[in-house]
Amino acid sequence: MIRYIVELGLASMLTLDRETIASLVAGSAERYGGDSARELEDLAAVLRKAEPLELFWGLYQSFTTQPIETRRYQQQALAGGRLLRLRPACPVAACEAIRNVLGGWEVSVEELPWYLALACGDDAIWTAMTQLEAEPLTDRQRLVLHTFRYWLLPGWQDNPLAQSRLAGECGE
């Protein structure tokens, strides 16, 4: 569907509110699994037309809601990749942004912590993680927070995986 929107130049006719963006991401993840290079580029082309605030919420909600278990990784990988590539401003304080995803984030989707570190700043994210560690959390939330921290260990941007994602996601 997204390919046709791009090929026919219909992106400007879409109302790209957060619900539509979330629906496009979910549909693309379900149909293509979130790793079709053409689909990723087409989706980015459509989403570039969205207002930054709607773009943020449309993508971020993939991490705050509980998608169907079998599609959670694909949907979050797709949303995280688009957050990292398009980098809308994060309108949520770092601590709240992390707290909101502790129940739904698939921990192997490293693009989310990387995006938040770039959008909020490493210092704000580390301060937020320290604050959250002092709060009463479930065992699962603690594990998720620990993994969030792992993806952002000092020097994370020098990690070859991070470098390839940042280079590939930012080169437009």
N, C-alpha and C. Protein backbone atom coordinates (compact mmCIF):
# COMPACT_ATOMS: atom_id res chain seq x y z
N MET A 1 0.81 -1.19 0.00
CA MET A 1 0.00 0.00 0.00
C MET A 1 0.87 1.26 0.00
N ILE A 2 1.89 1.27 0.82
CA ILE A 2 2.74 2.46 0.92
C ILE A 2 3.44 2.73 -0.41
N ARG A 3 3.86 1.67 -1.08
CA ARG A 3 4.52 1.83 -2.37
C ARG A 3 3.60 2.57 -3.35
N TYR A 4 2.32 2.21 -3.34
CA TYR A 4 1.37 2.86 -4.25
C TYR A 4 1.13 4.32 -3.88
N ILE A 5 1.12 4.59 -2.59
CA ILE A 5 0.97 5.97 -2.14
C ILE A 5 2.12 6.81 -2.68
N VAL A 6 3.34 6.28 -2.60
CA VAL A 6 4.53 6.99 -3.08
C VAL A 6 4.51 7.10 -4.60
N GLU A 7 4.29 5.98 -5.29
CA GLU A 7 4.33 5.97 -6.75
C GLU A 7 3.27 6.86 -7.37
N LEU A 8 2.09 6.92 -6.75
CA LEU A 8 1.00 7.74 -7.29
C LEU A 8 1.00 9.16 -6.74
N GLY A 9 1.96 9.47 -5.86
CA GLY A 9 2.06 10.82 -5.30
C GLY A 9 0.90 11.18 -4.41
N LEU A 10 0.37 10.22 -3.70
CA LEU A 10 -0.81 10.45 -2.87
C LEU A 10 -0.49 10.84 -1.43
N ALA A 11 0.78 10.87 -1.08
CA ALA A 11 1.16 11.16 0.31
C ALA A 11 0.62 12.50 0.77
N SER A 12 0.59 13.49 -0.11
CA SER A 12 0.11 14.81 0.28
C SER A 12 -1.39 14.82 0.55
N MET A 13 -2.09 13.79 0.09
CA MET A 13 -3.53 13.72 0.30
C MET A 13 -3.89 13.02 1.61
N LEU A 14 -2.92 12.38 2.24
CA LEU A 14 -3.17 11.69 3.50
C LEU A 14 -3.18 12.67 4.66
N THR A 15 -4.03 12.40 5.62
CA THR A 15 -3.98 13.12 6.88
C THR A 15 -3.08 12.29 7.78
N LEU A 16 -1.86 12.75 7.95
CA LEU A 16 -0.88 11.98 8.70
C LEU A 16 -0.91 12.34 10.18
N ASP A 17 -2.02 11.97 10.82
CA ASP A 17 -2.10 12.13 12.26
C ASP A 17 -1.50 10.89 12.91
N ARG A 18 -1.38 10.90 14.22
CA ARG A 18 -0.70 9.80 14.92
C ARG A 18 -1.37 8.45 14.70
N GLU A 19 -2.69 8.43 14.60
CA GLU A 19 -3.38 7.16 14.37
C GLU A 19 -3.06 6.60 12.99
N THR A 20 -3.05 7.47 11.97
CA THR A 20 -2.74 7.03 10.62
C THR A 20 -1.30 6.54 10.54
N ILE A 21 -0.39 7.25 11.17
CA ILE A 21 1.02 6.86 11.17
C ILE A 21 1.17 5.49 11.85
N ALA A 22 0.55 5.32 13.00
CA ALA A 22 0.62 4.04 13.70
C ALA A 22 0.04 2.93 12.85
N SER A 23 -1.04 3.21 12.15
CA SER A 23 -1.67 2.21 11.28
C SER A 23 -0.76 1.85 10.10
N LEU A 24 -0.11 2.84 9.51
CA LEU A 24 0.82 2.57 8.40
C LEU A 24 1.98 1.69 8.86
N VAL A 25 2.51 1.99 10.03
CA VAL A 25 3.62 1.21 10.58
C VAL A 25 3.17 -0.22 10.87
N ALA A 26 2.03 -0.36 11.54
CA ALA A 26 1.53 -1.70 11.88
C ALA A 26 1.24 -2.51 10.61
N GLY A 27 0.62 -1.88 9.63
CA GLY A 27 0.31 -2.57 8.39
C GLY A 27 1.55 -2.98 7.63
N SER A 28 2.53 -2.11 7.59
CA SER A 28 3.78 -2.42 6.90
C SER A 28 4.52 -3.55 7.61
N ALA A 29 4.55 -3.51 8.94
CA ALA A 29 5.21 -4.57 9.71
C ALA A 29 4.51 -5.90 9.49
N GLU A 30 3.19 -5.88 9.46
CA GLU A 30 2.44 -7.12 9.27
C GLU A 30 2.66 -7.69 7.87
N ARG A 31 2.66 -6.81 6.88
CA ARG A 31 2.76 -7.28 5.50
C ARG A 31 4.18 -7.63 5.08
N TYR A 32 5.16 -6.79 5.47
CA TYR A 32 6.53 -6.97 4.98
C TYR A 32 7.52 -7.35 6.08
N GLY A 33 7.08 -7.41 7.33
CA GLY A 33 7.97 -7.81 8.41
C GLY A 33 8.91 -6.72 8.88
N GLY A 34 8.81 -5.53 8.33
CA GLY A 34 9.63 -4.43 8.80
C GLY A 34 11.05 -4.41 8.28
N ASP A 35 11.39 -5.27 7.31
CA ASP A 35 12.78 -5.25 6.85
C ASP A 35 12.93 -5.20 5.33
N SER A 36 11.88 -4.85 4.62
CA SER A 36 11.97 -4.66 3.18
C SER A 36 12.59 -3.29 2.91
N ALA A 37 13.76 -3.26 2.28
CA ALA A 37 14.46 -2.00 2.04
C ALA A 37 13.58 -1.01 1.28
N ARG A 38 12.89 -1.48 0.28
CA ARG A 38 12.02 -0.60 -0.51
C ARG A 38 10.88 -0.06 0.35
N GLU A 39 10.27 -0.92 1.13
CA GLU A 39 9.17 -0.51 2.00
C GLU A 39 9.66 0.51 3.04
N LEU A 40 10.85 0.29 3.59
CA LEU A 40 11.39 1.22 4.58
C LEU A 40 11.59 2.61 3.96
N GLU A 41 12.14 2.65 2.76
CA GLU A 41 12.36 3.94 2.09
C GLU A 41 11.04 4.60 1.72
N ASP A 42 10.10 3.81 1.22
CA ASP A 42 8.79 4.37 0.87
C ASP A 42 8.08 4.91 2.11
N LEU A 43 8.15 4.16 3.21
CA LEU A 43 7.51 4.62 4.44
C LEU A 43 8.15 5.91 4.93
N ALA A 44 9.48 5.99 4.87
CA ALA A 44 10.16 7.22 5.28
C ALA A 44 9.73 8.39 4.40
N ALA A 45 9.57 8.15 3.10
CA ALA A 45 9.14 9.22 2.18
C ALA A 45 7.75 9.73 2.54
N VAL A 46 6.85 8.82 2.89
CA VAL A 46 5.50 9.23 3.29
C VAL A 46 5.55 9.97 4.62
N LEU A 47 6.28 9.44 5.58
CA LEU A 47 6.29 10.02 6.93
C LEU A 47 6.99 11.37 6.99
N ARG A 48 7.87 11.66 6.06
CA ARG A 48 8.54 12.98 6.04
C ARG A 48 7.53 14.11 5.91
N LYS A 49 6.36 13.81 5.40
CA LYS A 49 5.32 14.83 5.19
C LYS A 49 4.52 15.12 6.47
N ALA A 50 4.70 14.31 7.50
CA ALA A 50 3.94 14.45 8.74
C ALA A 50 4.49 15.59 9.60
N GLU A 51 3.60 16.15 10.39
CA GLU A 51 4.01 17.14 11.39
C GLU A 51 4.88 16.41 12.42
N PRO A 52 5.98 17.02 12.86
CA PRO A 52 6.90 16.32 13.79
C PRO A 52 6.24 15.78 15.05
N LEU A 53 5.31 16.52 15.64
CA LEU A 53 4.67 16.05 16.86
C LEU A 53 3.81 14.81 16.59
N GLU A 54 3.05 14.82 15.52
CA GLU A 54 2.23 13.66 15.15
C GLU A 54 3.12 12.48 14.77
N LEU A 55 4.23 12.77 14.10
CA LEU A 55 5.18 11.73 13.72
C LEU A 55 5.73 11.05 14.98
N PHE A 56 6.18 11.86 15.93
CA PHE A 56 6.69 11.29 17.18
C PHE A 56 5.66 10.37 17.82
N TRP A 57 4.46 10.87 18.07
CA TRP A 57 3.45 10.08 18.77
C TRP A 57 3.02 8.86 17.98
N GLY A 58 2.92 8.99 16.67
CA GLY A 58 2.53 7.86 15.85
C GLY A 58 3.54 6.72 15.89
N LEU A 59 4.82 7.05 15.98
CA LEU A 59 5.88 6.04 16.05
C LEU A 59 6.12 5.57 17.48
N TYR A 60 6.13 6.49 18.41
CA TYR A 60 6.45 6.19 19.81
C TYR A 60 5.41 5.26 20.43
N GLN A 61 4.16 5.38 20.01
CA GLN A 61 3.13 4.55 20.63
C GLN A 61 3.33 3.06 20.37
N SER A 62 4.13 2.70 19.38
CA SER A 62 4.45 1.29 19.17
C SER A 62 5.18 0.69 20.37
N PHE A 63 5.81 1.53 21.16
CA PHE A 63 6.58 1.08 22.32
C PHE A 63 5.80 1.18 23.62
N THR A 64 4.73 1.95 23.62
CA THR A 64 3.96 2.16 24.85
C THR A 64 2.73 1.28 24.91
N THR A 65 2.32 0.73 23.79
CA THR A 65 1.16 -0.16 23.75
C THR A 65 1.65 -1.59 23.63
N GLN A 66 0.76 -2.50 23.82
CA GLN A 66 1.11 -3.90 23.73
C GLN A 66 0.63 -4.47 22.40
N PRO A 67 1.45 -4.40 21.34
CA PRO A 67 1.02 -4.99 20.07
C PRO A 67 0.92 -6.51 20.20
N ILE A 68 0.25 -7.11 19.24
CA ILE A 68 0.13 -8.56 19.23
C ILE A 68 1.55 -9.14 19.28
N GLU A 69 1.75 -10.07 20.18
CA GLU A 69 3.08 -10.60 20.47
C GLU A 69 3.87 -11.02 19.23
N THR A 70 3.21 -11.65 18.26
CA THR A 70 3.93 -12.14 17.09
C THR A 70 4.43 -11.01 16.19
N ARG A 71 3.86 -9.83 16.31
CA ARG A 71 4.30 -8.72 15.46
C ARG A 71 5.02 -7.63 16.24
N ARG A 72 5.19 -7.81 17.53
CA ARG A 72 5.77 -6.74 18.34
C ARG A 72 7.15 -6.34 17.86
N TYR A 73 8.03 -7.30 17.64
CA TYR A 73 9.38 -6.95 17.23
C TYR A 73 9.37 -6.22 15.89
N GLN A 74 8.68 -6.75 14.89
CA GLN A 74 8.68 -6.14 13.56
C GLN A 74 8.12 -4.71 13.61
N GLN A 75 7.04 -4.54 14.32
CA GLN A 75 6.43 -3.21 14.42
C GLN A 75 7.36 -2.23 15.14
N GLN A 76 7.95 -2.66 16.23
CA GLN A 76 8.84 -1.77 16.97
C GLN A 76 10.13 -1.51 16.21
N ALA A 77 10.66 -2.51 15.53
CA ALA A 77 11.88 -2.29 14.73
C ALA A 77 11.61 -1.26 13.64
N LEU A 78 10.46 -1.36 13.02
CA LEU A 78 10.10 -0.41 11.97
C LEU A 78 9.90 0.99 12.56
N ALA A 79 9.16 1.09 13.65
CA ALA A 79 8.93 2.39 14.29
C ALA A 79 10.24 2.98 14.82
N GLY A 80 11.06 2.15 15.45
CA GLY A 80 12.34 2.64 15.98
C GLY A 80 13.26 3.12 14.89
N GLY A 81 13.32 2.38 13.79
CA GLY A 81 14.15 2.80 12.67
C GLY A 81 13.71 4.12 12.08
N ARG A 82 12.38 4.32 12.02
CA ARG A 82 11.87 5.59 11.48
C ARG A 82 12.11 6.73 12.46
N LEU A 83 11.99 6.47 13.78
CA LEU A 83 12.32 7.50 14.76
C LEU A 83 13.78 7.92 14.62
N LEU A 84 14.66 6.94 14.50
CA LEU A 84 16.09 7.23 14.38
C LEU A 84 16.40 7.98 13.10
N ARG A 85 15.75 7.59 12.02
CA ARG A 85 16.03 8.21 10.73
C ARG A 85 15.45 9.62 10.63
N LEU A 86 14.20 9.78 11.02
CA LEU A 86 13.51 11.06 10.83
C LEU A 86 13.69 12.01 12.00
N ARG A 87 14.02 11.49 13.15
CA ARG A 87 14.32 12.23 14.39
C ARG A 87 13.41 13.41 14.70
N PRO A 88 12.12 13.15 14.87
CA PRO A 88 11.28 14.25 15.35
C PRO A 88 11.69 14.59 16.78
N ALA A 89 11.45 15.82 17.18
CA ALA A 89 11.76 16.21 18.56
C ALA A 89 10.93 15.36 19.51
N CYS A 90 11.50 15.04 20.65
CA CYS A 90 10.80 14.26 21.67
C CYS A 90 10.12 15.26 22.62
N PRO A 91 8.78 15.31 22.64
CA PRO A 91 8.09 16.29 23.47
C PRO A 91 7.90 15.84 24.93
N VAL A 92 8.47 14.70 25.28
CA VAL A 92 8.30 14.12 26.60
C VAL A 92 9.64 14.20 27.33
N ALA A 93 9.60 14.51 28.61
CA ALA A 93 10.82 14.52 29.41
C ALA A 93 11.46 13.13 29.37
N ALA A 94 12.77 13.07 29.44
CA ALA A 94 13.50 11.82 29.30
C ALA A 94 13.01 10.75 30.27
N CYS A 95 12.81 11.10 31.51
CA CYS A 95 12.39 10.12 32.51
C CYS A 95 11.02 9.54 32.14
N GLU A 96 10.10 10.38 31.75
CA GLU A 96 8.76 9.92 31.37
C GLU A 96 8.82 9.10 30.08
N ALA A 97 9.65 9.52 29.15
CA ALA A 97 9.78 8.79 27.88
C ALA A 97 10.25 7.36 28.12
N ILE A 98 11.18 7.17 29.04
CA ILE A 98 11.67 5.83 29.35
C ILE A 98 10.63 5.07 30.17
N ARG A 99 10.08 5.71 31.20
CA ARG A 99 9.08 5.06 32.05
C ARG A 99 7.92 4.51 31.21
N ASN A 100 7.49 5.27 30.22
CA ASN A 100 6.35 4.88 29.39
C ASN A 100 6.59 3.61 28.58
N VAL A 101 7.85 3.27 28.31
CA VAL A 101 8.13 2.11 27.46
C VAL A 101 8.56 0.87 28.25
N LEU A 102 8.69 0.99 29.55
CA LEU A 102 9.19 -0.14 30.34
C LEU A 102 8.29 -1.36 30.27
N GLY A 103 7.03 -1.19 29.97
CA GLY A 103 6.13 -2.33 29.90
C GLY A 103 5.96 -2.92 28.52
N GLY A 104 6.34 -2.20 27.48
CA GLY A 104 6.05 -2.67 26.14
C GLY A 104 7.21 -2.76 25.17
N TRP A 105 8.37 -2.21 25.53
CA TRP A 105 9.49 -2.17 24.61
C TRP A 105 10.10 -3.55 24.44
N GLU A 106 10.31 -3.95 23.19
CA GLU A 106 11.02 -5.18 22.84
C GLU A 106 12.51 -4.84 22.94
N VAL A 107 13.22 -5.40 23.90
CA VAL A 107 14.57 -4.95 24.26
C VAL A 107 15.62 -5.14 23.18
N SER A 108 15.32 -5.89 22.14
CA SER A 108 16.31 -6.04 21.06
C SER A 108 16.15 -4.97 19.99
N VAL A 109 15.25 -4.03 20.21
CA VAL A 109 15.09 -2.91 19.28
C VAL A 109 15.92 -1.74 19.83
N GLU A 110 17.19 -1.75 19.47
CA GLU A 110 18.13 -0.77 20.02
C GLU A 110 17.91 0.64 19.50
N GLU A 111 17.16 0.78 18.42
CA GLU A 111 16.94 2.11 17.85
C GLU A 111 16.21 3.04 18.81
N LEU A 112 15.33 2.51 19.66
CA LEU A 112 14.61 3.37 20.60
C LEU A 112 15.55 4.07 21.58
N PRO A 113 16.41 3.35 22.32
CA PRO A 113 17.32 4.07 23.21
C PRO A 113 18.24 5.02 22.46
N TRP A 114 18.69 4.61 21.28
CA TRP A 114 19.57 5.50 20.51
C TRP A 114 18.84 6.76 20.10
N TYR A 115 17.61 6.62 19.64
CA TYR A 115 16.82 7.81 19.28
C TYR A 115 16.65 8.72 20.49
N LEU A 116 16.24 8.15 21.63
CA LEU A 116 16.00 8.99 22.81
C LEU A 116 17.29 9.67 23.28
N ALA A 117 18.42 8.98 23.18
CA ALA A 117 19.69 9.60 23.57
C ALA A 117 20.02 10.78 22.66
N LEU A 118 19.74 10.62 21.38
CA LEU A 118 20.00 11.71 20.44
C LEU A 118 18.99 12.85 20.60
N ALA A 119 17.73 12.49 20.86
CA ALA A 119 16.67 13.50 20.96
C ALA A 119 16.70 14.25 22.28
N CYS A 120 17.02 13.55 23.37
CA CYS A 120 16.99 14.15 24.71
C CYS A 120 18.37 14.51 25.24
N GLY A 121 19.39 13.87 24.69
CA GLY A 121 20.75 14.07 25.18
C GLY A 121 21.15 12.94 26.10
N ASP A 122 22.39 12.50 25.96
CA ASP A 122 22.90 11.40 26.78
C ASP A 122 22.78 11.69 28.27
N ASP A 123 23.13 12.90 28.69
CA ASP A 123 23.10 13.23 30.12
C ASP A 123 21.68 13.12 30.67
N ALA A 124 20.70 13.64 29.94
CA ALA A 124 19.31 13.57 30.41
C ALA A 124 18.84 12.13 30.50
N ILE A 125 19.23 11.30 29.55
CA ILE A 125 18.83 9.90 29.57
C ILE A 125 19.48 9.16 30.73
N TRP A 126 20.77 9.40 30.98
CA TRP A 126 21.44 8.73 32.10
C TRP A 126 20.86 9.18 33.44
N THR A 127 20.56 10.46 33.56
CA THR A 127 19.93 10.96 34.78
C THR A 127 18.57 10.29 34.97
N ALA A 128 17.80 10.19 33.89
CA ALA A 128 16.47 9.56 33.94
C ALA A 128 16.58 8.09 34.35
N MET A 129 17.55 7.38 33.79
CA MET A 129 17.70 5.96 34.15
C MET A 129 18.05 5.81 35.63
N THR A 130 18.89 6.69 36.15
CA THR A 130 19.25 6.65 37.56
C THR A 130 18.03 6.93 38.43
N GLN A 131 17.21 7.90 38.05
CA GLN A 131 15.98 8.20 38.79
C GLN A 131 15.03 7.01 38.77
N LEU A 132 14.88 6.40 37.61
CA LEU A 132 13.96 5.27 37.49
C LEU A 132 14.43 4.06 38.30
N GLU A 133 15.73 3.85 38.38
CA GLU A 133 16.25 2.73 39.17
C GLU A 133 15.89 2.86 40.64
N ALA A 134 15.67 4.08 41.12
CA ALA A 134 15.32 4.31 42.52
C ALA A 134 13.82 4.13 42.77
N GLU A 135 13.05 3.97 41.72
CA GLU A 135 11.59 3.82 41.85
C GLU A 135 11.23 2.34 42.03
N PRO A 136 10.07 2.08 42.61
CA PRO A 136 9.62 0.68 42.70
C PRO A 136 9.21 0.19 41.31
N LEU A 137 9.93 -0.80 40.82
CA LEU A 137 9.66 -1.35 39.50
C LEU A 137 9.47 -2.86 39.61
N THR A 138 8.74 -3.42 38.67
CA THR A 138 8.62 -4.87 38.61
C THR A 138 9.95 -5.45 38.15
N ASP A 139 10.10 -6.75 38.31
CA ASP A 139 11.31 -7.41 37.84
C ASP A 139 11.48 -7.21 36.34
N ARG A 140 10.40 -7.33 35.60
CA ARG A 140 10.45 -7.13 34.14
C ARG A 140 10.89 -5.71 33.80
N GLN A 141 10.33 -4.72 34.48
CA GLN A 141 10.71 -3.33 34.23
C GLN A 141 12.18 -3.09 34.54
N ARG A 142 12.68 -3.70 35.61
CA ARG A 142 14.11 -3.57 35.94
C ARG A 142 14.99 -4.18 34.86
N LEU A 143 14.59 -5.33 34.35
CA LEU A 143 15.32 -5.97 33.27
C LEU A 143 15.31 -5.08 32.02
N VAL A 144 14.17 -4.52 31.71
CA VAL A 144 14.05 -3.64 30.54
C VAL A 144 14.93 -2.40 30.73
N LEU A 145 14.89 -1.82 31.91
CA LEU A 145 15.72 -0.65 32.19
C LEU A 145 17.21 -1.00 32.10
N HIS A 146 17.57 -2.15 32.61
CA HIS A 146 18.97 -2.61 32.53
C HIS A 146 19.40 -2.74 31.06
N THR A 147 18.53 -3.28 30.23
CA THR A 147 18.85 -3.44 28.82
C THR A 147 18.90 -2.09 28.12
N PHE A 148 18.02 -1.18 28.50
CA PHE A 148 18.05 0.18 27.97
C PHE A 148 19.43 0.80 28.24
N ARG A 149 19.89 0.63 29.47
CA ARG A 149 21.21 1.14 29.87
C ARG A 149 22.32 0.48 29.03
N TYR A 150 22.20 -0.83 28.82
CA TYR A 150 23.19 -1.56 28.03
C TYR A 150 23.37 -0.93 26.65
N TRP A 151 22.27 -0.62 25.98
CA TRP A 151 22.37 -0.06 24.63
C TRP A 151 23.03 1.32 24.63
N LEU A 152 23.10 1.96 25.79
CA LEU A 152 23.65 3.32 25.86
C LEU A 152 24.92 3.41 26.70
N LEU A 153 25.62 2.31 26.83
CA LEU A 153 26.88 2.35 27.56
C LEU A 153 27.79 3.41 26.95
N PRO A 154 28.65 4.05 27.77
CA PRO A 154 29.54 5.07 27.23
C PRO A 154 30.26 4.58 25.98
N GLY A 155 30.27 5.43 24.98
CA GLY A 155 30.88 5.09 23.71
C GLY A 155 29.94 4.36 22.76
N TRP A 156 28.64 4.33 23.09
CA TRP A 156 27.69 3.58 22.26
C TRP A 156 27.72 4.02 20.80
N GLN A 157 27.97 5.28 20.55
CA GLN A 157 27.99 5.75 19.15
C GLN A 157 29.17 5.21 18.37
N ASP A 158 30.20 4.71 19.08
CA ASP A 158 31.36 4.11 18.42
C ASP A 158 31.17 2.62 18.15
N ASN A 159 30.12 2.05 18.70
CA ASN A 159 29.79 0.65 18.45
C ASN A 159 29.54 0.47 16.96
N PRO A 160 30.14 -0.52 16.31
CA PRO A 160 29.96 -0.70 14.86
C PRO A 160 28.49 -0.82 14.44
N LEU A 161 27.67 -1.46 15.26
CA LEU A 161 26.25 -1.57 14.94
C LEU A 161 25.59 -0.19 14.97
N ALA A 162 25.89 0.57 15.99
CA ALA A 162 25.32 1.92 16.09
C ALA A 162 25.83 2.79 14.93
N GLN A 163 27.10 2.68 14.62
CA GLN A 163 27.65 3.48 13.51
C GLN A 163 26.95 3.15 12.21
N SER A 164 26.72 1.87 11.95
CA SER A 164 26.07 1.50 10.69
C SER A 164 24.63 1.97 10.66
N ARG A 165 23.93 1.89 11.77
CA ARG A 165 22.54 2.35 11.80
C ARG A 165 22.46 3.87 11.69
N LEU A 166 23.34 4.54 12.39
CA LEU A 166 23.33 6.01 12.33
C LEU A 166 23.72 6.51 10.95
N ALA A 167 24.71 5.88 10.33
CA ALA A 167 25.12 6.28 8.99
C ALA A 167 24.03 5.95 7.98
N GLY A 168 23.46 4.77 8.08
CA GLY A 168 22.43 4.35 7.15
C GLY A 168 21.13 5.08 7.38
N GLU A 169 20.84 5.41 8.61
CA GLU A 169 19.57 6.05 8.90
C GLU A 169 19.62 7.56 8.71
N CYS A 170 20.78 8.13 8.77
CA CYS A 170 20.87 9.59 8.68
C CYS A 170 21.25 10.06 7.30
N GLY A 171 21.77 9.20 6.47
CA GLY A 171 22.24 9.64 5.17
C GLY A 171 21.09 9.86 4.20
N GLU A 172 20.63 11.09 4.11
CA GLU A 172 19.53 11.40 3.20
C GLU A 172 19.96 12.43 2.20
